[in-house]
């Protein structure tokens, strides 16, 4: 099943109303000019087409990977973590279940963890100060702040 936005992307690309450069991740209009991008609140590039702001990464993913990129339950991820790098080689199609962050990924990404006497990390933070503030507020003297690698 496709969403309204996905159907619109599919129609625009299949009818060649927009063309894409898979190497650079740019979207071109009917006159062959690069469409102006706008950055949304989440940091993703969008283009204005058919009175809608459509995510560039979804347009590029559809052109590169086909209909699987537009299906419900699928997410498009940026391999380098930069939501503005929309080159097809930087995009991957995953199921929404695979995309959920695990505690192990949190440990790799963030530097300070809050743990209880059992040793399990309950929260992770970029800075030690934030971790200590959270530990004092949530757990009092029972929590420990540890560096997480």
N, C-alpha and C. Protein backbone atom coordinates (compact mmCIF):
# COMPACT_ATOMS: atom_id res chain seq x y z
N UNK A 1 0.84 -1.18 0.00
CA UNK A 1 0.00 0.00 0.00
C UNK A 1 0.89 1.25 0.00
N UNK A 2 0.53 2.22 -0.82
CA UNK A 2 1.30 3.44 -0.92
C UNK A 2 0.53 4.62 -0.32
N UNK A 3 1.26 5.54 0.27
CA UNK A 3 0.64 6.74 0.82
C UNK A 3 0.38 7.74 -0.31
N UNK A 4 -0.35 8.79 0.02
CA UNK A 4 -0.64 9.83 -0.97
C UNK A 4 0.65 10.46 -1.50
N UNK A 5 1.59 10.76 -0.61
CA UNK A 5 2.87 11.33 -1.01
C UNK A 5 3.64 10.36 -1.89
N UNK A 6 3.63 9.09 -1.54
CA UNK A 6 4.35 8.09 -2.33
C UNK A 6 3.76 7.97 -3.73
N UNK A 7 2.43 8.00 -3.84
CA UNK A 7 1.79 7.94 -5.15
C UNK A 7 2.16 9.16 -6.00
N UNK A 8 2.21 10.32 -5.37
CA UNK A 8 2.59 11.53 -6.09
C UNK A 8 4.02 11.45 -6.59
N UNK A 9 4.92 10.98 -5.76
CA UNK A 9 6.32 10.80 -6.17
C UNK A 9 6.40 9.84 -7.34
N UNK A 10 5.70 8.73 -7.24
CA UNK A 10 5.70 7.73 -8.29
C UNK A 10 5.19 8.33 -9.61
N UNK A 11 4.10 9.09 -9.57
CA UNK A 11 3.54 9.70 -10.78
C UNK A 11 4.51 10.70 -11.39
N UNK A 12 5.12 11.55 -10.57
CA UNK A 12 6.02 12.57 -11.08
C UNK A 12 7.27 11.99 -11.73
N UNK A 13 7.84 10.94 -11.12
CA UNK A 13 9.04 10.33 -11.68
C UNK A 13 8.70 9.50 -12.91
N UNK A 14 7.63 8.70 -12.85
CA UNK A 14 7.27 7.84 -13.98
C UNK A 14 6.83 8.64 -15.20
N UNK A 15 6.19 9.78 -14.99
CA UNK A 15 5.75 10.61 -16.12
C UNK A 15 6.86 11.53 -16.62
N UNK A 16 8.02 11.46 -15.98
CA UNK A 16 9.19 12.26 -16.32
C UNK A 16 8.95 13.76 -16.15
N UNK A 17 8.04 14.14 -15.25
CA UNK A 17 7.87 15.54 -14.90
C UNK A 17 9.04 16.01 -14.07
N UNK A 18 9.70 15.07 -13.39
CA UNK A 18 10.95 15.36 -12.69
C UNK A 18 11.97 14.32 -13.12
N UNK A 19 13.21 14.75 -13.16
CA UNK A 19 14.31 13.83 -13.45
C UNK A 19 15.28 13.95 -12.29
N UNK A 20 16.05 12.90 -12.08
CA UNK A 20 16.97 12.90 -10.95
C UNK A 20 18.38 12.56 -11.41
N UNK A 21 19.35 13.07 -10.68
CA UNK A 21 20.74 12.69 -10.87
C UNK A 21 21.09 11.81 -9.67
N UNK A 22 21.23 10.52 -9.91
CA UNK A 22 21.46 9.57 -8.82
C UNK A 22 22.82 9.78 -8.15
N UNK A 23 23.79 10.30 -8.88
CA UNK A 23 25.12 10.50 -8.31
C UNK A 23 25.16 11.67 -7.33
N UNK A 24 24.46 12.75 -7.67
CA UNK A 24 24.50 13.94 -6.82
C UNK A 24 23.29 14.08 -5.91
N UNK A 25 22.21 13.36 -6.21
CA UNK A 25 21.01 13.46 -5.41
C UNK A 25 20.20 14.72 -5.70
N UNK A 26 20.32 15.24 -6.92
CA UNK A 26 19.58 16.45 -7.30
C UNK A 26 18.33 16.07 -8.08
N UNK A 27 17.30 16.93 -7.96
CA UNK A 27 16.04 16.74 -8.67
C UNK A 27 15.89 17.89 -9.66
N UNK A 28 15.54 17.54 -10.91
CA UNK A 28 15.40 18.51 -11.98
C UNK A 28 13.94 18.61 -12.40
N UNK A 29 13.51 19.82 -12.75
CA UNK A 29 12.15 20.06 -13.22
C UNK A 29 12.02 19.83 -14.71
N UNK A 30 10.85 20.20 -15.26
CA UNK A 30 10.56 20.00 -16.68
C UNK A 30 11.52 20.75 -17.60
N UNK A 31 11.98 21.90 -17.19
CA UNK A 31 12.88 22.70 -18.03
C UNK A 31 14.34 22.31 -17.87
N UNK A 32 14.62 21.29 -17.09
CA UNK A 32 15.98 20.82 -16.94
C UNK A 32 16.79 21.55 -15.89
N UNK A 33 16.15 22.41 -15.12
CA UNK A 33 16.86 23.14 -14.07
C UNK A 33 16.72 22.40 -12.74
N UNK A 34 17.79 22.50 -11.93
CA UNK A 34 17.75 21.89 -10.60
C UNK A 34 16.69 22.60 -9.76
N UNK A 35 15.82 21.83 -9.14
CA UNK A 35 14.78 22.42 -8.30
C UNK A 35 15.38 22.90 -6.99
N UNK A 36 14.91 24.04 -6.54
CA UNK A 36 15.38 24.62 -5.29
C UNK A 36 14.91 23.77 -4.12
N UNK A 37 15.84 23.47 -3.22
CA UNK A 37 15.49 22.66 -2.05
C UNK A 37 15.23 23.55 -0.84
N UNK A 38 14.45 23.01 0.05
CA UNK A 38 14.15 23.66 1.33
C UNK A 38 14.42 22.61 2.40
N UNK A 39 14.94 23.03 3.53
CA UNK A 39 15.23 22.09 4.62
C UNK A 39 14.05 22.11 5.58
N UNK A 40 13.47 20.93 5.85
CA UNK A 40 12.34 20.87 6.77
C UNK A 40 12.81 20.84 8.22
N UNK A 41 11.87 20.77 9.15
CA UNK A 41 12.21 20.81 10.58
C UNK A 41 13.10 19.66 11.02
N UNK A 42 13.04 18.54 10.31
CA UNK A 42 13.86 17.38 10.68
C UNK A 42 15.25 17.41 10.05
N UNK A 43 15.51 18.40 9.21
CA UNK A 43 16.82 18.51 8.57
C UNK A 43 16.91 17.88 7.20
N UNK A 44 15.79 17.38 6.68
CA UNK A 44 15.77 16.74 5.36
C UNK A 44 15.47 17.75 4.27
N UNK A 45 16.06 17.53 3.09
CA UNK A 45 15.82 18.39 1.94
C UNK A 45 14.47 18.04 1.31
N UNK A 46 13.70 19.08 0.95
CA UNK A 46 12.44 18.88 0.25
C UNK A 46 12.41 19.78 -0.97
N UNK A 47 11.59 19.42 -1.95
CA UNK A 47 11.35 20.26 -3.10
C UNK A 47 9.85 20.49 -3.22
N UNK A 48 9.48 21.64 -3.76
CA UNK A 48 8.08 21.97 -3.91
C UNK A 48 7.63 21.52 -5.30
N UNK A 49 6.73 20.55 -5.32
CA UNK A 49 6.19 20.00 -6.56
C UNK A 49 4.70 19.74 -6.38
N UNK A 50 3.92 20.10 -7.38
CA UNK A 50 2.48 19.85 -7.37
C UNK A 50 1.84 20.33 -6.07
N UNK A 51 2.27 21.51 -5.63
CA UNK A 51 1.75 22.15 -4.40
C UNK A 51 2.03 21.35 -3.13
N UNK A 52 3.06 20.55 -3.15
CA UNK A 52 3.46 19.75 -2.00
C UNK A 52 4.97 19.88 -1.81
N UNK A 53 5.42 19.78 -0.57
CA UNK A 53 6.86 19.70 -0.30
C UNK A 53 7.19 18.22 -0.17
N UNK A 54 7.92 17.70 -1.14
CA UNK A 54 8.23 16.27 -1.19
C UNK A 54 9.68 16.04 -0.78
N UNK A 55 9.93 15.00 0.02
CA UNK A 55 11.30 14.72 0.47
C UNK A 55 12.17 14.23 -0.68
N UNK A 56 13.31 14.89 -0.85
CA UNK A 56 14.22 14.57 -1.94
C UNK A 56 14.73 13.14 -1.82
N UNK A 57 15.04 12.69 -0.59
CA UNK A 57 15.59 11.35 -0.44
C UNK A 57 14.60 10.27 -0.89
N UNK A 58 13.31 10.51 -0.75
CA UNK A 58 12.32 9.54 -1.23
C UNK A 58 12.23 9.54 -2.75
N UNK A 59 12.35 10.71 -3.36
CA UNK A 59 12.33 10.79 -4.82
C UNK A 59 13.53 10.05 -5.40
N UNK A 60 14.71 10.30 -4.84
CA UNK A 60 15.94 9.64 -5.31
C UNK A 60 15.86 8.13 -5.07
N UNK A 61 15.37 7.74 -3.90
CA UNK A 61 15.27 6.31 -3.57
C UNK A 61 14.32 5.60 -4.52
N UNK A 62 13.20 6.24 -4.88
CA UNK A 62 12.27 5.61 -5.81
C UNK A 62 12.94 5.45 -7.18
N UNK A 63 13.64 6.48 -7.64
CA UNK A 63 14.32 6.39 -8.93
C UNK A 63 15.40 5.31 -8.92
N UNK A 64 16.06 5.12 -7.79
CA UNK A 64 17.16 4.16 -7.70
C UNK A 64 16.70 2.73 -7.40
N UNK A 65 15.74 2.58 -6.48
CA UNK A 65 15.38 1.26 -5.98
C UNK A 65 14.00 0.77 -6.40
N UNK A 66 13.19 1.64 -6.96
CA UNK A 66 11.86 1.25 -7.40
C UNK A 66 10.81 1.38 -6.31
N UNK A 67 9.69 0.72 -6.52
CA UNK A 67 8.52 0.88 -5.65
C UNK A 67 8.75 0.44 -4.21
N UNK A 68 9.70 -0.42 -3.96
CA UNK A 68 9.99 -0.87 -2.60
C UNK A 68 10.33 0.31 -1.69
N UNK A 69 10.91 1.37 -2.26
CA UNK A 69 11.30 2.54 -1.47
C UNK A 69 10.10 3.36 -1.01
N UNK A 70 8.94 3.16 -1.62
CA UNK A 70 7.76 3.95 -1.29
C UNK A 70 6.73 3.18 -0.46
N UNK A 71 6.94 1.91 -0.25
CA UNK A 71 5.96 1.09 0.47
C UNK A 71 5.85 1.50 1.93
N UNK A 72 4.64 1.34 2.46
CA UNK A 72 4.40 1.60 3.88
C UNK A 72 5.26 0.64 4.70
N UNK A 73 5.80 1.12 5.80
CA UNK A 73 6.64 0.30 6.66
C UNK A 73 8.10 0.32 6.27
N UNK A 74 8.44 1.04 5.21
CA UNK A 74 9.84 1.17 4.78
C UNK A 74 10.33 2.57 5.10
N UNK A 75 11.58 2.68 5.50
CA UNK A 75 12.21 3.97 5.74
C UNK A 75 13.47 4.06 4.89
N UNK A 76 13.77 5.28 4.49
CA UNK A 76 14.98 5.53 3.72
C UNK A 76 16.00 6.13 4.69
N UNK A 77 17.15 5.51 4.80
CA UNK A 77 18.18 6.00 5.72
C UNK A 77 19.37 6.53 4.92
N UNK A 78 20.06 7.45 5.53
CA UNK A 78 21.29 8.00 4.96
C UNK A 78 22.46 7.29 5.63
N UNK A 79 23.24 6.58 4.87
CA UNK A 79 24.32 5.77 5.44
C UNK A 79 25.35 6.58 6.21
N UNK A 80 25.63 7.80 5.75
CA UNK A 80 26.62 8.63 6.45
C UNK A 80 25.99 9.48 7.55
N UNK A 81 24.68 9.38 7.73
CA UNK A 81 24.00 10.14 8.78
C UNK A 81 23.69 11.57 8.41
N UNK A 82 24.08 12.02 7.22
CA UNK A 82 23.83 13.39 6.77
C UNK A 82 22.54 13.41 5.95
N UNK A 83 21.45 13.99 6.48
CA UNK A 83 20.18 13.96 5.76
C UNK A 83 20.16 14.83 4.50
N UNK A 84 21.21 15.59 4.26
CA UNK A 84 21.27 16.42 3.06
C UNK A 84 22.06 15.77 1.93
N UNK A 85 22.73 14.66 2.22
CA UNK A 85 23.48 13.93 1.20
C UNK A 85 22.54 12.89 0.60
N UNK A 86 21.91 13.24 -0.52
CA UNK A 86 20.89 12.38 -1.11
C UNK A 86 21.37 11.58 -2.31
N UNK A 87 22.67 11.38 -2.45
CA UNK A 87 23.19 10.54 -3.52
C UNK A 87 22.66 9.12 -3.31
N UNK A 88 22.32 8.45 -4.40
CA UNK A 88 21.73 7.11 -4.31
C UNK A 88 22.64 6.13 -3.57
N UNK A 89 23.95 6.29 -3.71
CA UNK A 89 24.87 5.38 -3.02
C UNK A 89 24.86 5.59 -1.52
N UNK A 90 24.34 6.73 -1.06
CA UNK A 90 24.27 7.03 0.37
C UNK A 90 22.94 6.61 0.99
N UNK A 91 21.98 6.19 0.18
CA UNK A 91 20.66 5.84 0.68
C UNK A 91 20.51 4.33 0.79
N UNK A 92 19.72 3.91 1.78
CA UNK A 92 19.40 2.50 1.96
C UNK A 92 17.93 2.39 2.34
N UNK A 93 17.27 1.36 1.83
CA UNK A 93 15.86 1.11 2.17
C UNK A 93 15.83 0.04 3.24
N UNK A 94 15.18 0.36 4.35
CA UNK A 94 15.07 -0.59 5.46
C UNK A 94 13.64 -0.65 5.94
N UNK A 95 13.32 -1.71 6.65
CA UNK A 95 11.99 -1.77 7.27
C UNK A 95 12.02 -0.89 8.52
N UNK A 96 10.86 -0.41 8.91
CA UNK A 96 10.78 0.47 10.09
C UNK A 96 11.27 -0.25 11.34
N UNK A 97 11.09 -1.56 11.42
CA UNK A 97 11.53 -2.33 12.58
C UNK A 97 13.05 -2.31 12.69
N UNK A 98 13.76 -2.43 11.56
CA UNK A 98 15.23 -2.40 11.56
C UNK A 98 15.76 -1.04 11.98
N UNK A 99 14.98 0.02 11.76
CA UNK A 99 15.45 1.37 12.00
C UNK A 99 15.39 1.79 13.46
N UNK A 100 14.60 1.10 14.28
CA UNK A 100 14.48 1.49 15.68
C UNK A 100 15.83 1.43 16.37
N UNK A 101 16.19 2.45 17.13
CA UNK A 101 17.49 2.43 17.78
C UNK A 101 17.56 1.39 18.90
N UNK A 102 18.62 0.65 18.94
CA UNK A 102 18.81 -0.32 20.00
C UNK A 102 19.68 0.29 21.09
N UNK A 103 19.68 -0.31 22.26
CA UNK A 103 20.54 0.19 23.34
C UNK A 103 22.01 0.10 22.93
N UNK A 104 22.36 -0.91 22.16
CA UNK A 104 23.75 -1.04 21.74
C UNK A 104 24.15 0.12 20.84
N UNK A 105 23.28 0.54 19.89
CA UNK A 105 23.60 1.67 19.04
C UNK A 105 23.68 2.95 19.85
N UNK A 106 22.84 3.10 20.88
CA UNK A 106 22.91 4.28 21.73
C UNK A 106 24.26 4.34 22.44
N UNK A 107 24.74 3.20 22.89
CA UNK A 107 26.03 3.16 23.58
C UNK A 107 27.16 3.58 22.64
N UNK A 108 27.09 3.16 21.38
CA UNK A 108 28.15 3.51 20.44
C UNK A 108 28.13 4.99 20.10
N UNK A 109 26.94 5.58 20.06
CA UNK A 109 26.82 6.95 19.60
C UNK A 109 27.02 7.97 20.71
N UNK A 110 26.58 7.67 21.91
CA UNK A 110 26.61 8.66 22.98
C UNK A 110 27.68 8.31 24.01
N UNK A 111 28.22 9.33 24.67
CA UNK A 111 29.39 9.13 25.50
C UNK A 111 29.21 8.84 26.97
N UNK A 112 28.06 9.18 27.61
CA UNK A 112 27.89 8.98 29.04
C UNK A 112 26.57 8.30 29.32
N UNK A 113 26.60 7.25 30.14
CA UNK A 113 25.40 6.50 30.46
C UNK A 113 25.04 6.57 31.93
N UNK A 114 23.76 6.42 32.21
CA UNK A 114 23.25 6.38 33.58
C UNK A 114 22.83 4.95 33.84
N UNK A 115 23.42 4.35 34.87
CA UNK A 115 23.08 2.96 35.18
C UNK A 115 22.69 2.83 36.65
N UNK A 116 21.89 1.82 36.91
CA UNK A 116 21.47 1.47 38.27
C UNK A 116 22.39 0.37 38.79
N UNK A 117 22.28 0.00 40.06
CA UNK A 117 23.19 -1.01 40.62
C UNK A 117 23.28 -2.31 39.81
N UNK A 118 22.25 -2.68 39.06
CA UNK A 118 22.31 -3.89 38.24
C UNK A 118 23.29 -3.80 37.09
N UNK A 119 23.68 -2.59 36.73
CA UNK A 119 24.66 -2.39 35.67
C UNK A 119 24.08 -2.07 34.31
N UNK A 120 22.77 -2.21 34.14
CA UNK A 120 22.17 -1.91 32.84
C UNK A 120 22.06 -0.40 32.64
N UNK A 121 22.43 0.06 31.46
CA UNK A 121 22.34 1.49 31.15
C UNK A 121 20.90 1.82 30.79
N UNK A 122 20.34 2.82 31.50
CA UNK A 122 18.96 3.22 31.29
C UNK A 122 18.82 4.45 30.41
N UNK A 123 19.87 5.25 30.29
CA UNK A 123 19.84 6.44 29.45
C UNK A 123 21.27 6.79 29.05
N UNK A 124 21.41 7.46 27.91
CA UNK A 124 22.73 7.85 27.44
C UNK A 124 22.70 9.31 27.00
N UNK A 125 23.81 10.01 27.20
CA UNK A 125 23.88 11.44 26.93
C UNK A 125 25.21 11.80 26.28
N UNK A 126 25.21 12.96 25.60
CA UNK A 126 26.44 13.46 24.97
C UNK A 126 27.46 13.94 25.99
N UNK A 127 26.98 14.56 27.07
CA UNK A 127 27.92 15.13 28.03
C UNK A 127 27.72 14.53 29.42
N UNK A 128 28.78 14.56 30.20
CA UNK A 128 28.74 14.04 31.56
C UNK A 128 27.78 14.86 32.42
N UNK A 129 27.79 16.19 32.22
CA UNK A 129 26.94 17.07 33.02
C UNK A 129 25.46 16.72 32.85
N UNK A 130 25.03 16.49 31.62
CA UNK A 130 23.64 16.11 31.38
C UNK A 130 23.30 14.77 32.03
N UNK A 131 24.22 13.83 31.91
CA UNK A 131 23.99 12.51 32.51
C UNK A 131 23.89 12.61 34.02
N UNK A 132 24.77 13.40 34.66
CA UNK A 132 24.71 13.56 36.12
C UNK A 132 23.43 14.26 36.56
N UNK A 133 23.01 15.26 35.82
CA UNK A 133 21.78 15.98 36.15
C UNK A 133 20.57 15.05 36.05
N UNK A 134 20.52 14.26 34.99
CA UNK A 134 19.42 13.31 34.81
C UNK A 134 19.43 12.25 35.91
N UNK A 135 20.61 11.72 36.23
CA UNK A 135 20.72 10.67 37.25
C UNK A 135 20.25 11.19 38.60
N UNK A 136 20.65 12.40 38.98
CA UNK A 136 20.24 12.97 40.26
C UNK A 136 18.73 13.20 40.29
N UNK A 137 18.17 13.67 39.19
CA UNK A 137 16.74 13.96 39.14
C UNK A 137 15.91 12.68 39.16
N UNK A 138 16.29 11.69 38.35
CA UNK A 138 15.47 10.49 38.17
C UNK A 138 15.70 9.43 39.25
N UNK A 139 16.96 9.21 39.64
CA UNK A 139 17.28 8.09 40.51
C UNK A 139 17.91 8.48 41.84
N UNK A 140 18.29 9.71 42.02
CA UNK A 140 18.93 10.14 43.26
C UNK A 140 20.31 9.53 43.40
N UNK A 141 20.63 9.06 44.62
CA UNK A 141 21.96 8.51 44.91
C UNK A 141 22.12 7.08 44.40
N UNK A 142 21.07 6.45 43.91
CA UNK A 142 21.15 5.06 43.47
C UNK A 142 21.80 4.86 42.11
N UNK A 143 21.93 5.92 41.32
CA UNK A 143 22.43 5.79 39.96
C UNK A 143 23.91 6.15 39.86
N UNK A 144 24.55 5.57 38.86
CA UNK A 144 25.95 5.87 38.56
C UNK A 144 26.05 6.43 37.15
N UNK A 145 26.97 7.35 36.94
CA UNK A 145 27.23 7.88 35.61
C UNK A 145 28.56 7.32 35.14
N UNK A 146 28.51 6.64 34.00
CA UNK A 146 29.69 5.95 33.49
C UNK A 146 29.98 6.35 32.05
N UNK A 147 31.25 6.38 31.66
CA UNK A 147 31.53 6.62 30.25
C UNK A 147 31.11 5.38 29.43
N UNK A 148 30.51 5.64 28.29
CA UNK A 148 30.03 4.55 27.44
C UNK A 148 30.74 4.66 26.10
N UNK A 149 31.28 3.56 25.65
CA UNK A 149 31.99 3.55 24.38
C UNK A 149 31.27 2.71 23.37
